[in-house]
Amino acid sequence: MFMLRVVSNKISAWLFAAAVACGPMLCAAQADNRQPVLVELFTSEGCSDCPPADALLMRLDSTQFVPGAQAIVLSEHVTYWNHQGWRDPFSFDEMDERQQQYSARFRLDSVYTPQMVVDGAKQFVGSDRNALTQAIQSSAAQAKVPLEILDPRLQNGRATFSLRSGPVNSSVRWYAAIAADAARSEVSRGENAGRTLQHTAVVRVLRQLKRTGDAQEFTLPVDATLTEGSNVRLVVFAVDAHSGKVTSAAQGIIKP
C-alpha cells in the first residue's frame, strides 16, 4: 500500500490541513501561505549545457529559495538530443510536443535546452538563477485558484485521485503528471560521457484531464519501475487556454 502526502496550493477556509500529512518543507509552505508556482525544465542527458540547469532545479526543489513561493518543479526530457550518441532514458515524444507548443507561444525561432518555463508565462535559459528567481517572484505575486488533490491511491498500477478547486472558467485546461521523485544515470556516450547525472521530478506520464466536477475521479498509469527505490510525484495544474498561464497547481508524493 502506498500513502500520498497532499500539498495544496493555498491555505483556505475549506483546507483540511489537520487531516493531511506532509513533510516539514511542504507544511512550512502551507503555514507561510506561499503561492504555488509551476517550474518546468526542458532538458536532456545528451546536452552538455543541461547539468547546471538540472542542478539548479534540484536546488530550487530542495531549498525553496524564493520567499513567498512554493515551487512545484518538473523535469521534462526531450528526445531530439538522442541522435548525438546517448539516448536519454527519460525522454519521450510528448515532452518534445509540449516544448514545441511553448516555442510557438513565446514566438521563438526554435526549441533549445536547457529551457525553463515558469507558470507558462516566462521562459529563459534553464541555468540562469537570476531569471528563475525573478520569474518565480513575479508569478508568486499573483493569486491562483485554490486546488487540492483528494483521496489519492495506487491500485493495480494506476494512480487514482480526485480534485477540489475554487471557481474556474470554461477556458481552463487541466493536466496531471506522474514524475519520478529522483533519477540518476551513468552516461557512457555523447556530450556528457563519463558523468553521473542526477535529476528531480522526472516526468514519466503527462495527461490532459477532462474535468467535469469535484466528485470526478481520475486515473493515471504508474509504471512499476517508478515505485522501486524512489518516491513518485503527482502534479496537477490548470492552464488558461487563451493566455497559456498556469492558474492552479498542487502536488503530492506517493511513498513506497
Foldseek 3Di string as FASTA:
>chain_A
DWDKAWAKFFDDPPDPVVVGDDDPVRVVCHVLGAGEKEKEWEAEPQDPVAQLLQVVQVCCQVPVPAPRYNYDYAYAYAQPSCVQWHGGPLHDHVSVVVQVVLCVLVVHPDGDPGWMDMQQADIDHSNDVVVVNVSRVVVRVDHFWIKIWADWDDDPQKIKTFMDTDDDDPQKWKKKFKFQQKDWDQACDHPQHRDIGMHGRYTRDMDIDDDDDRVDMDMDGHDPVSQPPTKMKMKMWMARNPNRGTRGIIMMIIHD
